[in-house]
C-alpha atoms as a PDB file:
ATOM      1  CA  UNK A   1      79.234  21.334 131.165  1.00  0.00           C
ATOM      2  CA  UNK A   2      79.790  22.566 127.639  1.00  0.00           C
ATOM      3  CA  UNK A   3      78.146  21.668 123.931  1.00  0.00           C
ATOM      4  CA  UNK A   4      80.992  22.350 121.753  1.00  0.00           C
ATOM      5  CA  UNK A   5      79.665  23.146 117.938  1.00  0.00           C
ATOM      6  CA  UNK A   6      82.702  21.604 115.367  1.00  0.00           C
ATOM      7  CA  UNK A   7      82.102  22.616 111.297  1.00  0.00           C
ATOM      8  CA  UNK A   8      84.129  20.204 109.258  1.00  0.00           C
ATOM      9  CA  UNK A   9      84.724  19.541 105.614  1.00  0.00           C
ATOM     10  CA  UNK A  10      86.362  15.714 104.490  1.00  0.00           C
ATOM     11  CA  UNK A  11      86.776  13.955 101.534  1.00  0.00           C
ATOM     12  CA  UNK A  12      85.384  10.197 102.288  1.00  0.00           C
ATOM     13  CA  UNK A  13      87.441   8.320 100.133  1.00  0.00           C
ATOM     14  CA  UNK A  14      88.672   5.705 102.111  1.00  0.00           C
ATOM     15  CA  UNK A  15      86.167   6.387 104.636  1.00  0.00           C
ATOM     16  CA  UNK A  16      83.453   4.167 105.014  1.00  0.00           C
ATOM     17  CA  UNK A  17      80.759   6.760 105.922  1.00  0.00           C
ATOM     18  CA  UNK A  18      80.498   9.171 109.118  1.00  0.00           C
ATOM     19  CA  UNK A  19      79.006   6.904 111.563  1.00  0.00           C
ATOM     20  CA  UNK A  20      81.053   4.126 113.931  1.00  0.00           C
ATOM     21  CA  UNK A  21      81.436   1.391 112.643  1.00  0.00           C
ATOM     22  CA  UNK A  22      82.639  -1.826 114.241  1.00  0.00           C
ATOM     23  CA  UNK A  23      85.064  -3.721 111.549  1.00  0.00           C
ATOM     24  CA  UNK A  24      85.929   0.265 109.718  1.00  0.00           C
ATOM     25  CA  UNK A  25      87.286   2.724 109.383  1.00  0.00           C
ATOM     26  CA  UNK A  26      84.969   5.861 109.500  1.00  0.00           C
ATOM     27  CA  UNK A  27      84.953   9.519 110.175  1.00  0.00           C
ATOM     28  CA  UNK A  28      83.067  10.082 113.211  1.00  0.00           C
ATOM     29  CA  UNK A  29      86.023   7.737 114.734  1.00  0.00           C
ATOM     30  CA  UNK A  30      88.641   9.503 113.280  1.00  0.00           C
ATOM     31  CA  UNK A  31      87.315  12.532 115.309  1.00  0.00           C
ATOM     32  CA  UNK A  32      86.946  11.026 118.268  1.00  0.00           C
ATOM     33  CA  UNK A  33      90.207   9.597 117.971  1.00  0.00           C
ATOM     34  CA  UNK A  34      91.385  14.054 117.837  1.00  0.00           C
ATOM     35  CA  UNK A  35      89.359  14.624 120.849  1.00  0.00           C
ATOM     36  CA  UNK A  36      90.160  12.617 123.407  1.00  0.00           C
ATOM     37  CA  UNK A  37      94.020  13.843 121.861  1.00  0.00           C
ATOM     38  CA  UNK A  38      93.106  16.907 122.853  1.00  0.00           C
ATOM     39  CA  UNK A  39      90.900  16.579 125.546  1.00  0.00           C
ATOM     40  CA  UNK A  40      92.675  13.075 127.115  1.00  0.00           C
ATOM     41  CA  UNK A  41      89.249  12.453 127.471  1.00  0.00           C
ATOM     42  CA  UNK A  42      86.745  10.322 125.146  1.00  0.00           C
ATOM     43  CA  UNK A  43      83.116  12.315 124.099  1.00  0.00           C
ATOM     44  CA  UNK A  44      80.001  10.977 123.244  1.00  0.00           C
ATOM     45  CA  UNK A  45      79.199  12.874 119.883  1.00  0.00           C
ATOM     46  CA  UNK A  46      77.053  13.688 117.554  1.00  0.00           C
ATOM     47  CA  UNK A  47      76.318  14.129 114.518  1.00  0.00           C
ATOM     48  CA  UNK A  48      73.855  16.204 111.138  1.00  0.00           C
ATOM     49  CA  UNK A  49      73.652  12.936 109.197  1.00  0.00           C
ATOM     50  CA  UNK A  50      74.861   9.842 108.352  1.00  0.00           C
ATOM     51  CA  UNK A  51      77.200   9.887 104.766  1.00  0.00           C
ATOM     52  CA  UNK A  52      77.599   6.583 103.715  1.00  0.00           C
ATOM     53  CA  UNK A  53      81.389   5.277 102.316  1.00  0.00           C
ATOM     54  CA  UNK A  54      82.619   7.394  99.819  1.00  0.00           C
ATOM     55  CA  UNK A  55      80.519   9.910 100.494  1.00  0.00           C
ATOM     56  CA  UNK A  56      82.114  13.791 100.724  1.00  0.00           C
ATOM     57  CA  UNK A  57      81.116  16.760 102.869  1.00  0.00           C
ATOM     58  CA  UNK A  58      82.384  20.872 102.039  1.00  0.00           C
ATOM     59  CA  UNK A  59      80.527  21.215 105.881  1.00  0.00           C
ATOM     60  CA  UNK A  60      79.797  18.577 108.451  1.00  0.00           C
ATOM     61  CA  UNK A  61      78.559  19.515 111.099  1.00  0.00           C
ATOM     62  CA  UNK A  62      79.229  17.847 115.178  1.00  0.00           C
ATOM     63  CA  UNK A  63      78.433  18.952 119.300  1.00  0.00           C
ATOM     64  CA  UNK A  64      80.010  17.416 122.294  1.00  0.00           C
ATOM     65  CA  UNK A  65      79.625  18.367 125.271  1.00  0.00           C
ATOM     66  CA  UNK A  66      82.931  18.881 127.791  1.00  0.00           C
ATOM     67  CA  UNK A  67      83.801  20.490 131.098  1.00  0.00           C
ATOM     68  CA  UNK A  68      87.177  21.572 129.296  1.00  0.00           C
ATOM     69  CA  UNK A  69      87.684  25.878 129.448  1.00  0.00           C
ATOM     70  CA  UNK A  70      90.179  25.662 126.076  1.00  0.00           C
ATOM     71  CA  UNK A  71      88.478  28.458 123.766  1.00  0.00           C
ATOM     72  CA  UNK A  72      86.535  27.758 120.643  1.00  0.00           C
ATOM     73  CA  UNK A  73      89.550  29.980 118.920  1.00  0.00           C
ATOM     74  CA  UNK A  74      91.732  27.226 120.255  1.00  0.00           C
ATOM     75  CA  UNK A  75      89.568  23.580 118.880  1.00  0.00           C
ATOM     76  CA  UNK A  76      90.064  23.444 115.108  1.00  0.00           C
ATOM     77  CA  UNK A  77      93.987  24.171 115.079  1.00  0.00           C
ATOM     78  CA  UNK A  78      94.186  22.190 118.047  1.00  0.00           C
ATOM     79  CA  UNK A  79      91.739  19.227 116.697  1.00  0.00           C
ATOM     80  CA  UNK A  80      93.950  19.415 112.645  1.00  0.00           C
ATOM     81  CA  UNK A  81      97.096  18.436 114.537  1.00  0.00           C
ATOM     82  CA  UNK A  82      95.650  15.357 115.013  1.00  0.00           C
ATOM     83  CA  UNK A  83      93.393  15.101 111.677  1.00  0.00           C
ATOM     84  CA  UNK A  84      94.552  13.916 108.717  1.00  0.00           C
ATOM     85  CA  UNK A  85      95.469  15.490 105.527  1.00  0.00           C
ATOM     86  CA  UNK A  86      91.576  14.943 104.508  1.00  0.00           C
ATOM     87  CA  UNK A  87      89.851  16.011 107.855  1.00  0.00           C
ATOM     88  CA  UNK A  88      89.990  19.760 108.285  1.00  0.00           C
ATOM     89  CA  UNK A  89      87.254  22.232 111.147  1.00  0.00           C
ATOM     90  CA  UNK A  90      87.102  25.547 109.958  1.00  0.00           C
ATOM     91  CA  UNK A  91      85.005  26.463 113.140  1.00  0.00           C
ATOM     92  CA  UNK A  92      83.896  26.140 116.641  1.00  0.00           C
ATOM     93  CA  UNK A  93      81.841  27.555 119.428  1.00  0.00           C
ATOM     94  CA  UNK A  94      79.456  27.247 122.019  1.00  0.00           C
ATOM     95  CA  UNK A  95      75.946  26.340 121.747  1.00  0.00           C
ATOM     96  CA  UNK A  96      72.462  26.244 123.726  1.00  0.00           C
ATOM     97  CA  UNK A  97      72.964  23.132 126.171  1.00  0.00           C
ATOM     98  CA  UNK A  98      69.580  21.681 123.968  1.00  0.00           C
ATOM     99  CA  UNK A  99      71.550  21.826 120.546  1.00  0.00           C
ATOM    100  CA  UNK A 100      71.513  18.439 118.658  1.00  0.00           C
ATOM    101  CA  UNK A 101      73.821  18.573 115.526  1.00  0.00           C
ATOM    102  CA  UNK A 102      71.068  16.477 114.025  1.00  0.00           C
ATOM    103  CA  UNK A 103      67.800  17.146 115.496  1.00  0.00           C
ATOM    104  CA  UNK A 104      68.078  21.042 116.024  1.00  0.00           C
ATOM    105  CA  UNK A 105      68.518  20.409 111.865  1.00  0.00           C
ATOM    106  CA  UNK A 106      66.247  22.510 110.013  1.00  0.00           C
ATOM    107  CA  UNK A 107      67.445  21.197 106.054  1.00  0.00           C
ATOM    108  CA  UNK A 108      70.766  19.642 104.442  1.00  0.00           C
ATOM    109  CA  UNK A 109      71.949  20.639 101.229  1.00  0.00           C
ATOM    110  CA  UNK A 110      73.718  18.174  98.714  1.00  0.00           C
ATOM    111  CA  UNK A 111      75.493  18.929  95.859  1.00  0.00           C
ATOM    112  CA  UNK A 112      76.459  16.126  93.235  1.00  0.00           C
ATOM    113  CA  UNK A 113      79.383  16.881  90.686  1.00  0.00           C
ATOM    114  CA  UNK A 114      79.103  14.215  87.719  1.00  0.00           C
ATOM    115  CA  UNK A 115      82.093  15.541  84.539  1.00  0.00           C
ATOM    116  CA  UNK A 116      80.353  14.783  81.704  1.00  0.00           C
ATOM    117  CA  UNK A 117      83.247  13.825  79.309  1.00  0.00           C
ATOM    118  CA  UNK A 118      84.290  10.673  77.623  1.00  0.00           C
ATOM    119  CA  UNK A 119      88.349  11.808  78.950  1.00  0.00           C
ATOM    120  CA  UNK A 120      88.110  11.463  82.505  1.00  0.00           C
ATOM    121  CA  UNK A 121      90.052  13.968  84.618  1.00  0.00           C
ATOM    122  CA  UNK A 122      93.152  12.857  87.574  1.00  0.00           C
ATOM    123  CA  UNK A 123      91.612  15.637  88.939  1.00  0.00           C
ATOM    124  CA  UNK A 124      88.141  14.129  89.136  1.00  0.00           C
ATOM    125  CA  UNK A 125      88.932  10.754  89.764  1.00  0.00           C
ATOM    126  CA  UNK A 126      87.655  10.283  93.768  1.00  0.00           C
ATOM    127  CA  UNK A 127      85.909  13.894  93.724  1.00  0.00           C
ATOM    128  CA  UNK A 128      82.930  12.992  90.675  1.00  0.00           C
ATOM    129  CA  UNK A 129      80.753  11.103  88.836  1.00  0.00           C
ATOM    130  CA  UNK A 130      83.261  10.245  85.236  1.00  0.00           C
ATOM    131  CA  UNK A 131      80.958   9.567  82.315  1.00  0.00           C
ATOM    132  CA  UNK A 132      80.043  11.220  79.395  1.00  0.00           C
ATOM    133  CA  UNK A 133      76.625  10.845  78.782  1.00  0.00           C
ATOM    134  CA  UNK A 134      76.312  14.647  76.689  1.00  0.00           C
ATOM    135  CA  UNK A 135      73.838  15.370  79.130  1.00  0.00           C
ATOM    136  CA  UNK A 136      71.586  19.109  78.281  1.00  0.00           C
ATOM    137  CA  UNK A 137      71.937  20.303  82.149  1.00  0.00           C
ATOM    138  CA  UNK A 138      68.783  22.813  80.957  1.00  0.00           C
ATOM    139  CA  UNK A 139      66.418  20.555  79.978  1.00  0.00           C
ATOM    140  CA  UNK A 140      67.688  18.065  83.532  1.00  0.00           C
ATOM    141  CA  UNK A 141      66.892  21.288  85.159  1.00  0.00           C
ATOM    142  CA  UNK A 142      63.401  21.142  84.177  1.00  0.00           C
ATOM    143  CA  UNK A 143      62.442  18.225  85.064  1.00  0.00           C
ATOM    144  CA  UNK A 144      63.763  18.516  88.426  1.00  0.00           C
ATOM    145  CA  UNK A 145      61.088  20.897  89.392  1.00  0.00           C
ATOM    146  CA  UNK A 146      59.250  18.073  90.035  1.00  0.00           C
ATOM    147  CA  UNK A 147      60.578  16.853  92.363  1.00  0.00           C
ATOM    148  CA  UNK A 148      60.240  20.533  94.281  1.00  0.00           C
ATOM    149  CA  UNK A 149      57.667  20.797  97.038  1.00  0.00           C
ATOM    150  CA  UNK A 150      56.591  17.888  99.641  1.00  0.00           C
ATOM    151  CA  UNK A 151      56.397  14.716  98.051  1.00  0.00           C
ATOM    152  CA  UNK A 152      56.281  10.853  98.823  1.00  0.00           C
ATOM    153  CA  UNK A 153      59.412   9.842  98.316  1.00  0.00           C
ATOM    154  CA  UNK A 154      59.253   5.958  97.868  1.00  0.00           C
ATOM    155  CA  UNK A 155      59.955   5.521  94.799  1.00  0.00           C
ATOM    156  CA  UNK A 156      64.234   7.671  95.179  1.00  0.00           C
ATOM    157  CA  UNK A 157      64.954   5.037  98.443  1.00  0.00           C
ATOM    158  CA  UNK A 158      67.211   2.584  98.227  1.00  0.00           C
ATOM    159  CA  UNK A 159      64.815  -0.542  98.830  1.00  0.00           C
ATOM    160  CA  UNK A 160      67.000  -1.325 102.540  1.00  0.00           C
ATOM    161  CA  UNK A 161      65.488   1.974 104.277  1.00  0.00           C
ATOM    162  CA  UNK A 162      63.425   1.028 107.477  1.00  0.00           C
ATOM    163  CA  UNK A 163      61.815   4.346 107.645  1.00  0.00           C
ATOM    164  CA  UNK A 164      57.497   4.086 107.784  1.00  0.00           C
ATOM    165  CA  UNK A 165      57.446   8.012 106.682  1.00  0.00           C
ATOM    166  CA  UNK A 166      58.555   8.318 103.774  1.00  0.00           C
ATOM    167  CA  UNK A 167      57.595  12.108 102.642  1.00  0.00           C
ATOM    168  CA  UNK A 168      60.108  14.899 102.732  1.00  0.00           C
ATOM    169  CA  UNK A 169      59.933  18.366 101.396  1.00  0.00           C
ATOM    170  CA  UNK A 170      62.354  19.794  98.821  1.00  0.00           C
ATOM    171  CA  UNK A 171      62.529  23.275  99.266  1.00  0.00           C
ATOM    172  CA  UNK A 172      65.207  23.529  95.954  1.00  0.00           C
ATOM    173  CA  UNK A 173      66.120  21.481  93.347  1.00  0.00           C
ATOM    174  CA  UNK A 174      68.595  23.255  90.690  1.00  0.00           C
ATOM    175  CA  UNK A 175      70.837  21.707  87.712  1.00  0.00           C
ATOM    176  CA  UNK A 176      73.767  23.627  86.244  1.00  0.00           C
ATOM    177  CA  UNK A 177      76.766  22.942  83.804  1.00  0.00           C
ATOM    178  CA  UNK A 178      80.089  25.523  84.163  1.00  0.00           C
ATOM    179  CA  UNK A 179      82.111  23.549  81.001  1.00  0.00           C
ATOM    180  CA  UNK A 180      82.342  19.467  81.733  1.00  0.00           C
ATOM    181  CA  UNK A 181      81.195  19.657  84.839  1.00  0.00           C
ATOM    182  CA  UNK A 182      77.357  19.499  85.662  1.00  0.00           C
ATOM    183  CA  UNK A 183      76.147  20.118  89.381  1.00  0.00           C
ATOM    184  CA  UNK A 184      72.839  18.761  90.499  1.00  0.00           C
ATOM    185  CA  UNK A 185      72.253  20.741  94.144  1.00  0.00           C
ATOM    186  CA  UNK A 186      68.855  19.989  96.261  1.00  0.00           C
ATOM    187  CA  UNK A 187      67.745  20.980  99.057  1.00  0.00           C
ATOM    188  CA  UNK A 188      65.107  19.285 101.541  1.00  0.00           C
ATOM    189  CA  UNK A 189      63.760  19.219 105.330  1.00  0.00           C
ATOM    190  CA  UNK A 190      65.499  15.013 105.443  1.00  0.00           C
ATOM    191  CA  UNK A 191      66.530  12.752 102.954  1.00  0.00           C
ATOM    192  CA  UNK A 192      65.924   8.971 102.626  1.00  0.00           C
ATOM    193  CA  UNK A 193      68.512   5.946 102.134  1.00  0.00           C
ATOM    194  CA  UNK A 194      70.599   6.834  98.804  1.00  0.00           C
ATOM    195  CA  UNK A 195      67.797   9.604  98.460  1.00  0.00           C
ATOM    196  CA  UNK A 196      69.858  12.216  95.925  1.00  0.00           C
ATOM    197  CA  UNK A 197      71.736   9.380  94.059  1.00  0.00           C
ATOM    198  CA  UNK A 198      68.807   8.445  92.554  1.00  0.00           C
ATOM    199  CA  UNK A 199      67.732  11.427  91.796  1.00  0.00           C
ATOM    200  CA  UNK A 200      70.329  11.985  89.768  1.00  0.00           C
ATOM    201  CA  UNK A 201      69.940   8.389  88.950  1.00  0.00           C
ATOM    202  CA  UNK A 202      67.104   9.184  87.279  1.00  0.00           C
ATOM    203  CA  UNK A 203      67.496  12.409  85.993  1.00  0.00           C
ATOM    204  CA  UNK A 204      70.743  10.915  83.822  1.00  0.00           C
ATOM    205  CA  UNK A 205      68.832   8.470  82.513  1.00  0.00           C
ATOM    206  CA  UNK A 206      66.031  10.676  81.391  1.00  0.00           C
ATOM    207  CA  UNK A 207      68.686  12.597  80.078  1.00  0.00           C
ATOM    208  CA  UNK A 208      70.000   8.921  77.694  1.00  0.00           C
ATOM    209  CA  UNK A 209      66.597   7.927  77.210  1.00  0.00           C
ATOM    210  CA  UNK A 210      66.887   4.357  79.656  1.00  0.00           C
ATOM    211  CA  UNK A 211      64.490   5.765  82.179  1.00  0.00           C
ATOM    212  CA  UNK A 212      61.194   5.685  80.106  1.00  0.00           C
ATOM    213  CA  UNK A 213      58.750   7.115  82.763  1.00  0.00           C
ATOM    214  CA  UNK A 214      57.895  11.083  84.102  1.00  0.00           C
ATOM    215  CA  UNK A 215      58.494  12.096  87.046  1.00  0.00           C
ATOM    216  CA  UNK A 216      55.523  12.441  88.572  1.00  0.00           C
ATOM    217  CA  UNK A 217      54.824   9.042  87.636  1.00  0.00           C
ATOM    218  CA  UNK A 218      57.161   7.472  89.197  1.00  0.00           C
ATOM    219  CA  UNK A 219      56.633   9.257  92.164  1.00  0.00           C
ATOM    220  CA  UNK A 220      52.963   8.582  92.424  1.00  0.00           C
ATOM    221  CA  UNK A 221      53.616   4.789  91.833  1.00  0.00           C
ATOM    222  CA  UNK A 222      56.357   4.579  94.180  1.00  0.00           C
ATOM    223  CA  UNK A 223      58.031   2.028  92.643  1.00  0.00           C
ATOM    224  CA  UNK A 224      61.684   2.174  93.397  1.00  0.00           C
ATOM    225  CA  UNK A 225      62.410  -0.370  89.856  1.00  0.00           C
ATOM    226  CA  UNK A 226      60.619   2.872  87.187  1.00  0.00           C
ATOM    227  CA  UNK A 227      63.494   4.848  89.353  1.00  0.00           C
ATOM    228  CA  UNK A 228      66.991   5.274  87.519  1.00  0.00           C
ATOM    229  CA  UNK A 229      70.329   3.939  88.801  1.00  0.00           C
ATOM    230  CA  UNK A 230      71.767   5.044  92.165  1.00  0.00           C
ATOM    231  CA  UNK A 231      74.794   7.106  91.235  1.00  0.00           C
ATOM    232  CA  UNK A 232      78.340   6.382  92.213  1.00  0.00           C
ATOM    233  CA  UNK A 233      79.066   7.636  95.692  1.00  0.00           C
ATOM    234  CA  UNK A 234      82.431   9.618  94.682  1.00  0.00           C
ATOM    235  CA  UNK A 235      79.940  12.681  93.032  1.00  0.00           C
ATOM    236  CA  UNK A 236      78.218  13.838  96.186  1.00  0.00           C
ATOM    237  CA  UNK A 237      79.283  15.887  98.866  1.00  0.00           C
ATOM    238  CA  UNK A 238      76.932  17.624 101.854  1.00  0.00           C
ATOM    239  CA  UNK A 239      77.439  21.120 101.482  1.00  0.00           C
ATOM    240  CA  UNK A 240      75.317  22.572 103.650  1.00  0.00           C
ATOM    241  CA  UNK A 241      73.322  22.173 107.136  1.00  0.00           C
ATOM    242  CA  UNK A 242      70.844  24.903 108.287  1.00  0.00           C
ATOM    243  CA  UNK A 243      70.036  25.607 111.710  1.00  0.00           C
ATOM    244  CA  UNK A 244      67.190  28.214 112.759  1.00  0.00           C
ATOM    245  CA  UNK A 245      69.571  30.490 114.762  1.00  0.00           C
ATOM    246  CA  UNK A 246      73.231  29.136 114.417  1.00  0.00           C
ATOM    247  CA  UNK A 247      75.523  29.641 111.821  1.00  0.00           C
ATOM    248  CA  UNK A 248      77.317  26.385 111.608  1.00  0.00           C
END
């Protein structure tokens, strides 16, 4: 059996997340269908992360095992012939047998895009949060540094989360403006449910005066009600996935 790692990107607008669901279309289901069309067999695939409905990915990794001798260089073209235009496989490689797209991952990086304008844009409508806040990105960048490090992020995750351990290590958090586009980039060893969207919503709230507590106060409280709103899914992208010994 060969262990094949696929690297792909997708626009998540019309999907109900990455994970297979009984009554809704998911990215994984569509990719599984394409793999089955190429290999004439239904494989169990392992994804690197769970993304919510409407969330996009610049880099998403998954692996599956097959006995097929098809050269890896031919796999992306073969799969893309069976995939819709909003999902694209751009790399395939054979990896060690013990590789797992999720459990072998050391860090993930997310990007959140906010078009900070009152006038909107038809080109960003489904691909960013469009709202005119008038944010000071430099100030938000300074405040975001309080989120870097190892912390209990219970206040920055959905109350629906079923995780007992809410401690994570954030290695990078930046906020940058280029024209009207404000980009939030955060990298960590793992993320809780809605963690990035809540952190972004909290920074927006600090910038607009709707959040009234400092980030360190929110972190120490563990109280979700002190943090900001959950920013809309359409602005969020899984941007990069990191593995110690493999370049996806």
